[in-house]
Protein backbone atom coordinates (compact mmCIF):
# COMPACT_ATOMS: atom_id res chain seq x y z
CA MET A 1 -10.39 -86.02 -15.98
CA PRO A 2 -6.99 -85.70 -17.69
CA VAL A 3 -3.84 -85.32 -15.60
CA SER A 4 -3.21 -81.91 -16.81
CA CYS A 5 -6.67 -80.75 -15.65
CA ARG A 6 -6.09 -82.39 -12.27
CA LEU A 7 -2.85 -80.46 -11.81
CA ALA A 8 -4.28 -77.25 -13.12
CA LEU A 9 -7.51 -77.26 -10.79
CA PRO A 10 -5.46 -76.86 -7.64
CA VAL A 11 -3.28 -74.10 -9.01
CA CYS A 12 -6.40 -72.22 -10.13
CA VAL A 13 -7.90 -72.72 -6.72
CA VAL A 14 -4.71 -71.30 -5.15
CA LEU A 15 -4.50 -68.43 -7.62
CA ALA A 16 -8.16 -67.49 -7.10
CA SER A 17 -7.80 -67.37 -3.33
CA SER A 18 -4.58 -65.44 -3.53
CA MET A 19 -6.21 -62.96 -5.77
CA PHE A 20 -9.17 -62.60 -3.22
CA TRP A 21 -6.42 -62.07 -0.62
CA LEU A 22 -4.40 -59.63 -2.67
CA GLY A 23 -7.50 -57.62 -3.62
CA GLY A 24 -7.68 -55.85 -0.28
CA CYS A 25 -4.00 -54.67 -0.55
CA THR A 26 -2.95 -51.38 -2.15
CA LEU A 27 -0.03 -51.25 -4.31
CA ILE A 28 3.08 -49.32 -3.15
CA GLY A 29 3.53 -46.12 -5.24
CA GLN A 30 4.99 -42.49 -4.82
CA LYS A 31 1.85 -41.54 -2.90
CA THR A 32 2.42 -44.08 -0.22
CA PHE A 33 5.44 -42.24 1.16
CA ASN A 34 4.52 -38.72 0.05
CA ARG A 35 0.86 -37.78 -0.19
CA HIS A 36 1.78 -34.69 -2.28
CA ALA A 37 3.76 -36.58 -5.00
CA GLY A 38 2.50 -35.85 -8.45
CA ASP A 39 0.81 -32.61 -7.36
CA PRO A 40 1.60 -29.51 -9.42
CA PRO A 41 4.28 -27.32 -7.74
CA GLN A 42 3.06 -24.27 -5.96
CA VAL A 43 4.99 -21.22 -6.67
CA VAL A 44 5.56 -18.93 -3.60
CA ILE A 45 6.76 -15.60 -4.44
CA PRO A 46 8.24 -14.01 -1.33
CA PRO A 47 7.41 -10.43 -0.83
CA PRO A 48 10.25 -7.95 -1.77
CA PRO A 49 12.45 -6.93 1.23
CA PRO A 50 11.54 -3.64 2.79
CA VAL A 51 13.33 -0.50 1.20
CA GLU A 52 15.79 1.11 3.52
CA VAL A 53 15.67 4.82 2.82
CA ARG A 54 19.00 6.22 3.71
CA HIS A 55 18.78 9.76 4.78
CA VAL A 56 21.86 11.50 3.69
CA PRO A 57 22.53 14.54 6.04
CA PRO A 58 23.54 17.88 4.13
CA LEU A 59 27.13 19.09 4.74
CA LEU A 60 25.62 22.39 5.83
CA GLU A 61 22.23 23.81 6.28
CA ILE A 62 21.46 27.46 6.21
CA ARG A 63 18.11 29.23 6.96
CA ALA A 64 17.44 31.86 4.21
CA GLY A 65 17.70 35.22 5.75
CA THR A 66 20.70 34.41 8.03
CA PRO A 67 23.32 37.04 7.70
CA GLN A 68 26.25 35.99 5.62
CA SER A 69 28.70 36.70 8.38
CA GLN A 70 27.18 33.94 10.40
CA TRP A 71 27.38 31.07 7.92
CA GLN A 72 30.43 32.09 5.90
CA PRO A 73 33.14 30.70 8.17
CA ASP A 74 31.29 27.38 8.50
CA LEU A 75 30.75 27.16 4.76
CA LYS A 76 34.52 27.94 4.18
CA LYS A 77 35.73 25.28 6.44
CA ALA A 78 33.17 22.66 5.11
CA VAL A 79 34.28 23.34 1.54
CA ALA A 80 37.96 23.18 2.31
CA GLU A 81 37.37 19.79 3.98
CA ALA A 82 35.28 18.46 1.12
CA LEU A 83 37.81 19.44 -1.57
CA ALA A 84 40.65 18.06 0.61
CA ARG A 85 38.95 14.61 0.85
CA LYS A 86 37.94 14.69 -3.04
CA PRO A 87 39.10 17.37 -5.24
CA ASN A 88 36.30 16.75 -7.78
CA VAL A 89 33.52 16.73 -5.39
CA LEU A 90 29.94 17.75 -6.70
CA PHE A 91 28.33 20.50 -4.51
CA THR A 92 24.48 20.18 -4.74
CA ILE A 93 22.74 23.31 -3.46
CA VAL A 94 19.12 22.67 -2.69
CA ALA A 95 16.65 25.45 -1.90
CA ALA A 96 13.89 24.03 0.15
CA ILE A 97 10.61 25.65 0.91
CA PRO A 98 7.51 24.76 2.96
CA ASP A 99 4.78 23.03 0.86
CA ALA A 100 1.94 24.69 2.68
CA LEU A 101 1.78 27.51 0.09
CA SER A 102 -0.32 27.67 -3.07
CA PRO A 103 1.48 26.49 -6.31
CA ASP A 104 1.79 30.07 -7.50
CA ALA A 105 3.24 31.39 -4.21
CA GLN A 106 5.59 28.37 -4.08
CA ALA A 107 6.98 29.05 -7.71
CA THR A 108 7.63 32.88 -6.69
CA LEU A 109 9.15 32.12 -3.27
CA LEU A 110 11.24 29.28 -4.73
CA SER A 111 12.58 31.40 -7.73
CA ARG A 112 13.36 34.44 -5.31
CA ILE A 113 15.14 32.02 -2.74
CA VAL A 114 17.25 30.35 -5.68
CA ALA A 115 18.04 33.88 -7.16
CA THR A 116 19.19 35.37 -3.92
CA TYR A 117 20.31 33.12 -1.09
CA ALA A 118 21.16 29.96 -2.97
CA GLN A 119 23.20 32.07 -5.51
CA ASP A 120 25.00 33.69 -2.67
CA VAL A 121 25.82 30.45 -1.26
CA ALA A 122 27.05 29.12 -4.72
CA THR A 123 29.27 32.27 -5.11
CA GLU A 124 30.85 31.77 -1.82
CA ILE A 125 31.57 28.14 -2.59
CA VAL A 126 33.35 29.13 -5.77
CA HIS A 127 35.25 31.94 -3.88
CA ASP A 128 36.39 29.13 -1.41
CA GLY A 129 38.07 27.08 -4.02
CA ALA A 130 35.59 25.04 -5.95
CA ASP A 131 35.18 25.15 -9.65
CA PRO A 132 31.98 26.50 -11.04
CA ALA A 133 31.58 23.12 -12.97
CA GLN A 134 31.39 21.50 -9.52
CA MET A 135 28.05 23.16 -8.78
CA GLU A 136 24.52 21.86 -9.08
CA MET A 137 21.67 23.84 -7.96
CA THR A 138 17.97 22.75 -7.52
CA GLY A 139 14.94 23.85 -5.58
CA MET A 140 12.05 21.89 -4.03
CA THR A 141 9.30 21.81 -1.56
CA ASP A 142 9.74 20.03 1.67
CA PRO A 143 7.14 19.36 4.33
CA GLY A 144 9.72 19.12 6.95
CA VAL A 145 10.95 22.67 6.71
CA ASP A 146 8.92 25.61 8.31
CA ALA A 147 11.12 28.44 6.70
CA PRO A 148 13.12 28.65 3.41
CA THR A 149 16.22 26.69 3.94
CA ILE A 150 19.39 26.40 1.77
CA ARG A 151 21.04 22.74 2.06
CA ILE A 152 24.47 21.90 0.60
CA TYR A 153 25.11 18.28 -0.08
CA VAL A 154 28.23 16.81 -1.46
CA ARG A 155 28.90 13.72 -3.75
């Protein structure tokens, strides 16, 4: 046997035995330290935050049918204070009626309430110093009222 073969034989035996020994080992990779490495990302969309409904109280609330002498002084004072704080304030007059009526009855009642009571309130607001351009009038049904009501909001 030549000398090179004699030297190569022990090296082959050592390499073969080391390959047998290394065959049971696992190679170190990303998954060795983090088992989720290489996994596709999971997109978690958080639910939207709860919507906080701010209830803005009206400046004044008048039940339809209340005599003008009872609500006129309070309205005069409220309008004067609103105009003193903000001269270009917008007065929103809302005629609210119960929603327990039929649609035809709601339309009839709402038009009557707006034409009489809400218009009287708007006239008084103008008389108390507001410009007619500072008025906004609307009508709506509201399950929270048991009788027609006029609400005055400011913005």
